[in-house]
Every structure is written in C-alpha cells, then in structure tokens.
C-alpha cells in the first residue's frame, strides 16, 4: 500500500544545525531537508525518498532531538520518479 502521509523522524541524537524546508513548501525525492549535528560533532544529512508538500514542520534550528523525534510531516504527491 502506498503511504500518502509520511512522518519524518530523526534517526540521530543531536542538534538541528540547518533546516532547508518550510511548512507548505514542495520537496523533491532525496532533497536535503535537515542537517543534524551529533553530540560527537558529526554532521548528518536528513532526506526522504518521497516528494510532496510539507504539511507541518516540528523543529527549528538549535532544537535538540533524539532518535525517533518527529521532524516534519509530508503529504506525498504519489508521483513515481527515478532514473536508470
């Protein structure tokens, strides 16, 4: 079954270093959404394999997050894209 609403969660513990998206903005598959700086100092990039509209943004730069914290919600446009 195709999922229409995606919950984007943090796979890392750390601090939101950069937010590249805004609520109600359109994003493309694998577009950079967030940068999270881990407590060890590594910068981790967050993206998702779906495109659509960001319906809610749950964090801002400087927020501390742990694994499974909700970062945003995406309404999938259900367009199949890809390349060879």
PDB file of N, CA and C in Angstrom:
ATOM      1  N   UNK A   1       0.838  -1.188   0.000  1.00  0.00           N
ATOM      2  CA  UNK A   1       0.000   0.000   0.000  1.00  0.00           C
ATOM      3  C   UNK A   1       0.879   1.246   0.000  1.00  0.00           C
ATOM      4  N   UNK A   2       0.533   2.214  -0.807  1.00  0.00           N
ATOM      5  CA  UNK A   2       1.300   3.451  -0.898  1.00  0.00           C
ATOM      6  C   UNK A   2       0.888   4.371   0.243  1.00  0.00           C
ATOM      7  N   UNK A   3       1.891   4.928   0.901  1.00  0.00           N
ATOM      8  CA  UNK A   3       1.653   5.803   2.036  1.00  0.00           C
ATOM      9  C   UNK A   3       1.491   7.239   1.548  1.00  0.00           C
ATOM     10  N   UNK A   4       0.384   7.885   1.905  1.00  0.00           N
ATOM     11  CA  UNK A   4       0.139   9.254   1.456  1.00  0.00           C
ATOM     12  C   UNK A   4       0.752  10.295   2.383  1.00  0.00           C
ATOM     13  N   UNK A   5       0.753  10.037   3.687  1.00  0.00           N
ATOM     14  CA  UNK A   5       1.355  10.952   4.660  1.00  0.00           C
ATOM     15  C   UNK A   5       2.585  10.272   5.261  1.00  0.00           C
ATOM     16  N   UNK A   6       3.714  10.964   5.211  1.00  0.00           N
ATOM     17  CA  UNK A   6       4.955  10.450   5.782  1.00  0.00           C
ATOM     18  C   UNK A   6       5.304  11.261   7.022  1.00  0.00           C
ATOM     19  N   UNK A   7       5.710  10.574   8.069  1.00  0.00           N
ATOM     20  CA  UNK A   7       6.249  11.230   9.248  1.00  0.00           C
ATOM     21  C   UNK A   7       7.761  11.117   9.153  1.00  0.00           C
ATOM     22  N   UNK A   8       8.428  12.254   9.114  1.00  0.00           N
ATOM     23  CA  UNK A   8       9.885  12.285   9.004  1.00  0.00           C
ATOM     24  C   UNK A   8      10.438  12.363  10.418  1.00  0.00           C
ATOM     25  N   UNK A   9      11.200  11.342  10.796  1.00  0.00           N
ATOM     26  CA  UNK A   9      11.740  11.267  12.160  1.00  0.00           C
ATOM     27  C   UNK A   9      13.264  11.334  12.133  1.00  0.00           C
ATOM     28  N   UNK A  10      13.812  11.739  13.245  1.00  0.00           N
ATOM     29  CA  UNK A  10      15.264  11.819  13.368  1.00  0.00           C
ATOM     30  C   UNK A  10      15.849  10.438  13.613  1.00  0.00           C
ATOM     31  N   UNK A  11      16.810  10.032  12.810  1.00  0.00           N
ATOM     32  CA  UNK A  11      17.496   8.776  13.081  1.00  0.00           C
ATOM     33  C   UNK A  11      18.706   8.966  14.012  1.00  0.00           C
ATOM     34  N   UNK A  12      18.960  10.217  14.407  1.00  0.00           N
ATOM     35  CA  UNK A  12      20.147  10.551  15.190  1.00  0.00           C
ATOM     36  C   UNK A  12      19.788  11.378  16.415  1.00  0.00           C
ATOM     37  N   UNK A  13      20.672  11.352  17.413  1.00  0.00           N
ATOM     38  CA  UNK A  13      20.605  12.276  18.541  1.00  0.00           C
ATOM     39  C   UNK A  13      21.527  13.443  18.221  1.00  0.00           C
ATOM     40  N   UNK A  14      21.084  14.663  18.528  1.00  0.00           N
ATOM     41  CA  UNK A  14      21.931  15.814  18.293  1.00  0.00           C
ATOM     42  C   UNK A  14      21.140  17.104  18.286  1.00  0.00           C
ATOM     43  N   UNK A  15      21.673  18.088  17.550  1.00  0.00           N
ATOM     44  CA  UNK A  15      21.075  19.421  17.464  1.00  0.00           C
ATOM     45  C   UNK A  15      20.768  19.728  16.005  1.00  0.00           C
ATOM     46  N   UNK A  16      19.591  20.307  15.760  1.00  0.00           N
ATOM     47  CA  UNK A  16      19.240  20.724  14.399  1.00  0.00           C
ATOM     48  C   UNK A  16      20.163  21.876  14.012  1.00  0.00           C
ATOM     49  N   UNK A  17      21.042  21.602  13.074  1.00  0.00           N
ATOM     50  CA  UNK A  17      22.034  22.579  12.623  1.00  0.00           C
ATOM     51  C   UNK A  17      21.450  23.493  11.542  1.00  0.00           C
ATOM     52  N   UNK A  18      20.653  22.903  10.619  1.00  0.00           N
ATOM     53  CA  UNK A  18      20.101  23.668   9.499  1.00  0.00           C
ATOM     54  C   UNK A  18      18.784  23.038   9.078  1.00  0.00           C
ATOM     55  N   UNK A  19      17.787  23.901   8.796  1.00  0.00           N
ATOM     56  CA  UNK A  19      16.503  23.468   8.252  1.00  0.00           C
ATOM     57  C   UNK A  19      16.405  24.053   6.849  1.00  0.00           C
ATOM     58  N   UNK A  20      16.260  23.203   5.836  1.00  0.00           N
ATOM     59  CA  UNK A  20      16.236  23.643   4.445  1.00  0.00           C
ATOM     60  C   UNK A  20      14.821  23.787   3.891  1.00  0.00           C
ATOM     61  N   UNK A  21      13.815  23.444   4.678  1.00  0.00           N
ATOM     62  CA  UNK A  21      12.436  23.427   4.190  1.00  0.00           C
ATOM     63  C   UNK A  21      11.565  24.362   5.026  1.00  0.00           C
ATOM     64  N   UNK A  22      10.391  24.666   4.481  1.00  0.00           N
ATOM     65  CA  UNK A  22       9.397  25.468   5.190  1.00  0.00           C
ATOM     66  C   UNK A  22       8.064  24.740   5.118  1.00  0.00           C
ATOM     67  N   UNK A  23       7.200  25.033   6.061  1.00  0.00           N
ATOM     68  CA  UNK A  23       5.856  24.475   6.022  1.00  0.00           C
ATOM     69  C   UNK A  23       5.170  24.922   4.732  1.00  0.00           C
ATOM     70  N   UNK A  24       4.416  24.036   4.117  1.00  0.00           N
ATOM     71  CA  UNK A  24       3.688  24.247   2.859  1.00  0.00           C
ATOM     72  C   UNK A  24       4.590  24.330   1.635  1.00  0.00           C
ATOM     73  N   UNK A  25       5.879  24.008   1.780  1.00  0.00           N
ATOM     74  CA  UNK A  25       6.762  24.011   0.614  1.00  0.00           C
ATOM     75  C   UNK A  25       6.772  22.632  -0.040  1.00  0.00           C
ATOM     76  N   UNK A  26       7.070  22.603  -1.335  1.00  0.00           N
ATOM     77  CA  UNK A  26       7.174  21.362  -2.092  1.00  0.00           C
ATOM     78  C   UNK A  26       8.613  20.874  -2.010  1.00  0.00           C
ATOM     79  N   UNK A  27       8.780  19.574  -1.785  1.00  0.00           N
ATOM     80  CA  UNK A  27      10.129  18.999  -1.797  1.00  0.00           C
ATOM     81  C   UNK A  27      10.178  17.852  -2.806  1.00  0.00           C
ATOM     82  N   UNK A  28      11.373  17.592  -3.307  1.00  0.00           N
ATOM     83  CA  UNK A  28      11.630  16.515  -4.249  1.00  0.00           C
ATOM     84  C   UNK A  28      12.258  15.328  -3.516  1.00  0.00           C
ATOM     85  N   UNK A  29      12.145  14.135  -4.124  1.00  0.00           N
ATOM     86  CA  UNK A  29      12.770  12.945  -3.545  1.00  0.00           C
ATOM     87  C   UNK A  29      14.249  13.189  -3.275  1.00  0.00           C
ATOM     88  N   UNK A  30      14.706  12.757  -2.138  1.00  0.00           N
ATOM     89  CA  UNK A  30      16.105  12.798  -1.703  1.00  0.00           C
ATOM     90  C   UNK A  30      16.667  14.212  -1.599  1.00  0.00           C
ATOM     91  N   UNK A  31      15.808  15.226  -1.598  1.00  0.00           N
ATOM     92  CA  UNK A  31      16.242  16.599  -1.358  1.00  0.00           C
ATOM     93  C   UNK A  31      16.718  16.716   0.095  1.00  0.00           C
ATOM     94  N   UNK A  32      17.748  17.505   0.313  1.00  0.00           N
ATOM     95  CA  UNK A  32      18.257  17.728   1.661  1.00  0.00           C
ATOM     96  C   UNK A  32      17.211  18.510   2.463  1.00  0.00           C
ATOM     97  N   UNK A  33      16.781  17.954   3.610  1.00  0.00           N
ATOM     98  CA  UNK A  33      15.749  18.584   4.432  1.00  0.00           C
ATOM     99  C   UNK A  33      16.323  19.223   5.693  1.00  0.00           C
ATOM    100  N   UNK A  34      17.192  18.500   6.387  1.00  0.00           N
ATOM    101  CA  UNK A  34      17.769  18.952   7.650  1.00  0.00           C
ATOM    102  C   UNK A  34      19.226  18.523   7.733  1.00  0.00           C
ATOM    103  N   UNK A  35      19.994  19.277   8.520  1.00  0.00           N
ATOM    104  CA  UNK A  35      21.306  18.831   8.960  1.00  0.00           C
ATOM    105  C   UNK A  35      21.236  18.726  10.474  1.00  0.00           C
ATOM    106  N   UNK A  36      21.692  17.599  10.997  1.00  0.00           N
ATOM    107  CA  UNK A  36      21.734  17.391  12.436  1.00  0.00           C
ATOM    108  C   UNK A  36      23.191  17.197  12.835  1.00  0.00           C
ATOM    109  N   UNK A  37      23.616  17.967  13.841  1.00  0.00           N
ATOM    110  CA  UNK A  37      24.974  17.809  14.369  1.00  0.00           C
ATOM    111  C   UNK A  37      24.884  16.869  15.559  1.00  0.00           C
ATOM    112  N   UNK A  38      25.554  15.724  15.442  1.00  0.00           N
ATOM    113  CA  UNK A  38      25.524  14.736  16.521  1.00  0.00           C
ATOM    114  C   UNK A  38      26.313  15.260  17.711  1.00  0.00           C
ATOM    115  N   UNK A  39      26.114  14.637  18.850  1.00  0.00           N
ATOM    116  CA  UNK A  39      26.833  15.042  20.052  1.00  0.00           C
ATOM    117  C   UNK A  39      28.330  14.756  19.937  1.00  0.00           C
ATOM    118  N   UNK A  40      28.698  13.902  18.967  1.00  0.00           N
ATOM    119  CA  UNK A  40      30.121  13.633  18.700  1.00  0.00           C
ATOM    120  C   UNK A  40      30.712  14.651  17.725  1.00  0.00           C
ATOM    121  N   UNK A  41      29.875  15.535  17.162  1.00  0.00           N
ATOM    122  CA  UNK A  41      30.346  16.576  16.257  1.00  0.00           C
ATOM    123  C   UNK A  41      30.169  16.272  14.785  1.00  0.00           C
ATOM    124  N   UNK A  42      29.628  15.106  14.433  1.00  0.00           N
ATOM    125  CA  UNK A  42      29.399  14.752  13.033  1.00  0.00           C
ATOM    126  C   UNK A  42      28.149  15.457  12.510  1.00  0.00           C
ATOM    127  N   UNK A  43      28.171  15.867  11.239  1.00  0.00           N
ATOM    128  CA  UNK A  43      27.006  16.475  10.598  1.00  0.00           C
ATOM    129  C   UNK A  43      26.313  15.405   9.770  1.00  0.00           C
ATOM    130  N   UNK A  44      25.042  15.166  10.079  1.00  0.00           N
ATOM    131  CA  UNK A  44      24.250  14.143   9.399  1.00  0.00           C
ATOM    132  C   UNK A  44      23.162  14.819   8.567  1.00  0.00           C
ATOM    133  N   UNK A  45      23.013  14.367   7.323  1.00  0.00           N
ATOM    134  CA  UNK A  45      22.018  14.917   6.398  1.00  0.00           C
ATOM    135  C   UNK A  45      20.751  14.063   6.445  1.00  0.00           C
ATOM    136  N   UNK A  46      19.597  14.721   6.522  1.00  0.00           N
ATOM    137  CA  UNK A  46      18.315  14.024   6.534  1.00  0.00           C
ATOM    138  C   UNK A  46      17.583  14.315   5.228  1.00  0.00           C
ATOM    139  N   UNK A  47      17.134  13.261   4.547  1.00  0.00           N
ATOM    140  CA  UNK A  47      16.327  13.374   3.331  1.00  0.00           C
ATOM    141  C   UNK A  47      15.330  12.224   3.342  1.00  0.00           C
ATOM    142  N   UNK A  48      14.397  12.222   2.380  1.00  0.00           N
ATOM    143  CA  UNK A  48      13.381  11.176   2.315  1.00  0.00           C
ATOM    144  C   UNK A  48      13.156  10.801   0.853  1.00  0.00           C
ATOM    145  N   UNK A  49      12.836   9.566   0.608  1.00  0.00           N
ATOM    146  CA  UNK A  49      12.622   9.073  -0.750  1.00  0.00           C
ATOM    147  C   UNK A  49      11.207   9.271  -1.236  1.00  0.00           C
ATOM    148  N   UNK A  50      10.670  10.451  -1.025  1.00  0.00           N
ATOM    149  CA  UNK A  50       9.317  10.794  -1.477  1.00  0.00           C
ATOM    150  C   UNK A  50       9.282  12.280  -1.790  1.00  0.00           C
ATOM    151  N   UNK A  51       8.346  12.676  -2.640  1.00  0.00           N
ATOM    152  CA  UNK A  51       8.165  14.091  -2.961  1.00  0.00           C
ATOM    153  C   UNK A  51       6.752  14.503  -2.574  1.00  0.00           C
ATOM    154  N   UNK A  52       6.574  15.794  -2.323  1.00  0.00           N
ATOM    155  CA  UNK A  52       5.260  16.300  -1.954  1.00  0.00           C
ATOM    156  C   UNK A  52       5.355  17.594  -1.166  1.00  0.00           C
ATOM    157  N   UNK A  53       4.297  17.875  -0.398  1.00  0.00           N
ATOM    158  CA  UNK A  53       4.175  19.121   0.354  1.00  0.00           C
ATOM    159  C   UNK A  53       4.453  18.865   1.840  1.00  0.00           C
ATOM    160  N   UNK A  54       5.266  19.720   2.437  1.00  0.00           N
ATOM    161  CA  UNK A  54       5.499  19.666   3.880  1.00  0.00           C
ATOM    162  C   UNK A  54       4.258  20.247   4.559  1.00  0.00           C
ATOM    163  N   UNK A  55       3.528  19.404   5.284  1.00  0.00           N
ATOM    164  CA  UNK A  55       2.286  19.867   5.923  1.00  0.00           C
ATOM    165  C   UNK A  55       2.527  20.413   7.320  1.00  0.00           C
ATOM    166  N   UNK A  56       3.590  19.959   7.979  1.00  0.00           N
ATOM    167  CA  UNK A  56       3.939  20.540   9.275  1.00  0.00           C
ATOM    168  C   UNK A  56       5.432  20.380   9.517  1.00  0.00           C
ATOM    169  N   UNK A  57       5.995  21.379  10.135  1.00  0.00           N
ATOM    170  CA  UNK A  57       7.410  21.403  10.490  1.00  0.00           C
ATOM    171  C   UNK A  57       7.458  21.443  12.009  1.00  0.00           C
ATOM    172  N   UNK A  58       8.092  20.461  12.621  1.00  0.00           N
ATOM    173  CA  UNK A  58       8.006  20.272  14.074  1.00  0.00           C
ATOM    174  C   UNK A  58       9.251  20.726  14.832  1.00  0.00           C
ATOM    175  N   UNK A  59      10.313  21.125  14.131  1.00  0.00           N
ATOM    176  CA  UNK A  59      11.555  21.549  14.777  1.00  0.00           C
ATOM    177  C   UNK A  59      12.068  22.819  14.110  1.00  0.00           C
ATOM    178  N   UNK A  60      13.001  23.464  14.810  1.00  0.00           N
ATOM    179  CA  UNK A  60      13.679  24.635  14.244  1.00  0.00           C
ATOM    180  C   UNK A  60      15.169  24.527  14.551  1.00  0.00           C
ATOM    181  N   UNK A  61      15.957  25.347  13.900  1.00  0.00           N
ATOM    182  CA  UNK A  61      17.399  25.320  14.124  1.00  0.00           C
ATOM    183  C   UNK A  61      17.695  25.564  15.599  1.00  0.00           C
ATOM    184  N   UNK A  62      18.613  24.780  16.130  1.00  0.00           N
ATOM    185  CA  UNK A  62      19.000  24.884  17.529  1.00  0.00           C
ATOM    186  C   UNK A  62      18.283  23.908  18.448  1.00  0.00           C
ATOM    187  N   UNK A  63      17.199  23.296  17.966  1.00  0.00           N
ATOM    188  CA  UNK A  63      16.476  22.318  18.785  1.00  0.00           C
ATOM    189  C   UNK A  63      17.314  21.062  18.975  1.00  0.00           C
ATOM    190  N   UNK A  64      17.238  20.492  20.166  1.00  0.00           N
ATOM    191  CA  UNK A  64      17.876  19.203  20.449  1.00  0.00           C
ATOM    192  C   UNK A  64      16.879  18.109  20.100  1.00  0.00           C
ATOM    193  N   UNK A  65      17.354  17.054  19.437  1.00  0.00           N
ATOM    194  CA  UNK A  65      16.498  15.931  19.061  1.00  0.00           C
ATOM    195  C   UNK A  65      17.165  14.622  19.470  1.00  0.00           C
ATOM    196  N   UNK A  66      16.336  13.614  19.642  1.00  0.00           N
ATOM    197  CA  UNK A  66      16.851  12.265  19.867  1.00  0.00           C
ATOM    198  C   UNK A  66      16.236  11.370  18.808  1.00  0.00           C
ATOM    199  N   UNK A  67      16.650  10.124  18.778  1.00  0.00           N
ATOM    200  CA  UNK A  67      16.124   9.213  17.765  1.00  0.00           C
ATOM    201  C   UNK A  67      14.615   9.106  17.921  1.00  0.00           C
ATOM    202  N   UNK A  68      13.958   9.070  16.798  1.00  0.00           N
ATOM    203  CA  UNK A  68      12.503   8.952  16.699  1.00  0.00           C
ATOM    204  C   UNK A  68      11.742  10.236  17.011  1.00  0.00           C
ATOM    205  N   UNK A  69      12.427  11.377  17.251  1.00  0.00           N
ATOM    206  CA  UNK A  69      11.717  12.653  17.358  1.00  0.00           C
ATOM    207  C   UNK A  69      11.144  13.002  15.991  1.00  0.00           C
ATOM    208  N   UNK A  70       9.911  13.471  15.963  1.00  0.00           N
ATOM    209  CA  UNK A  70       9.286  13.871  14.701  1.00  0.00           C
ATOM    210  C   UNK A  70       9.856  15.213  14.269  1.00  0.00           C
ATOM    211  N   UNK A  71      10.349  15.259  13.019  1.00  0.00           N
ATOM    212  CA  UNK A  71      10.908  16.487  12.452  1.00  0.00           C
ATOM    213  C   UNK A  71       9.883  17.222  11.601  1.00  0.00           C
ATOM    214  N   UNK A  72       9.090  16.476  10.810  1.00  0.00           N
ATOM    215  CA  UNK A  72       8.125  17.086   9.890  1.00  0.00           C
ATOM    216  C   UNK A  72       7.159  16.015   9.385  1.00  0.00           C
ATOM    217  N   UNK A  73       6.101  16.479   8.729  1.00  0.00           N
ATOM    218  CA  UNK A  73       5.157  15.588   8.045  1.00  0.00           C
ATOM    219  C   UNK A  73       5.089  16.003   6.575  1.00  0.00           C
ATOM    220  N   UNK A  74       4.982  15.008   5.703  1.00  0.00           N
ATOM    221  CA  UNK A  74       4.965  15.229   4.259  1.00  0.00           C
ATOM    222  C   UNK A  74       3.727  14.576   3.663  1.00  0.00           C
ATOM    223  N   UNK A  75       2.975  15.321   2.861  1.00  0.00           N
ATOM    224  CA  UNK A  75       1.870  14.756   2.083  1.00  0.00           C
ATOM    225  C   UNK A  75       2.435  14.379   0.728  1.00  0.00           C
ATOM    226  N   UNK A  76       2.552  13.088   0.482  1.00  0.00           N
ATOM    227  CA  UNK A  76       3.153  12.557  -0.737  1.00  0.00           C
ATOM    228  C   UNK A  76       2.304  12.918  -1.953  1.00  0.00           C
ATOM    229  N   UNK A  77       2.963  13.345  -3.043  1.00  0.00           N
ATOM    230  CA  UNK A  77       2.231  13.640  -4.282  1.00  0.00           C
ATOM    231  C   UNK A  77       1.979  12.371  -5.106  1.00  0.00           C
ATOM    232  N   UNK A  78       2.542  11.239  -4.643  1.00  0.00           N
ATOM    233  CA  UNK A  78       2.356   9.920  -5.248  1.00  0.00           C
ATOM    234  C   UNK A  78       2.831   9.836  -6.702  1.00  0.00           C
ATOM    235  N   UNK A  79       3.766  10.714  -7.082  1.00  0.00           N
ATOM    236  CA  UNK A  79       4.373  10.650  -8.416  1.00  0.00           C
ATOM    237  C   UNK A  79       5.549   9.696  -8.364  1.00  0.00           C
ATOM    238  N   UNK A  80       5.579   8.776  -9.302  1.00  0.00           N
ATOM    239  CA  UNK A  80       6.687   7.824  -9.392  1.00  0.00           C
ATOM    240  C   UNK A  80       7.775   8.449 -10.254  1.00  0.00           C
ATOM    241  N   UNK A  81       8.952   8.591  -9.674  1.00  0.00           N
ATOM    242  CA  UNK A  81      10.087   9.154 -10.421  1.00  0.00           C
ATOM    243  C   UNK A  81      11.289   8.234 -10.247  1.00  0.00           C
ATOM    244  N   UNK A  82      12.314   8.486 -11.017  1.00  0.00           N
ATOM    245  CA  UNK A  82      13.517   7.667 -10.917  1.00  0.00           C
ATOM    246  C   UNK A  82      14.320   7.767 -12.196  1.00  0.00           C
ATOM    247  N   UNK A  83      15.445   7.112 -12.197  1.00  0.00           N
ATOM    248  CA  UNK A  83      16.305   7.105 -13.376  1.00  0.00           C
ATOM    249  C   UNK A  83      17.033   5.773 -13.460  1.00  0.00           C
ATOM    250  N   UNK A  84      17.589   5.505 -14.610  1.00  0.00           N
ATOM    251  CA  UNK A  84      18.337   4.257 -14.825  1.00  0.00           C
ATOM    252  C   UNK A  84      19.728   4.355 -14.266  1.00  0.00           C
TER     253      UNK A  84
END
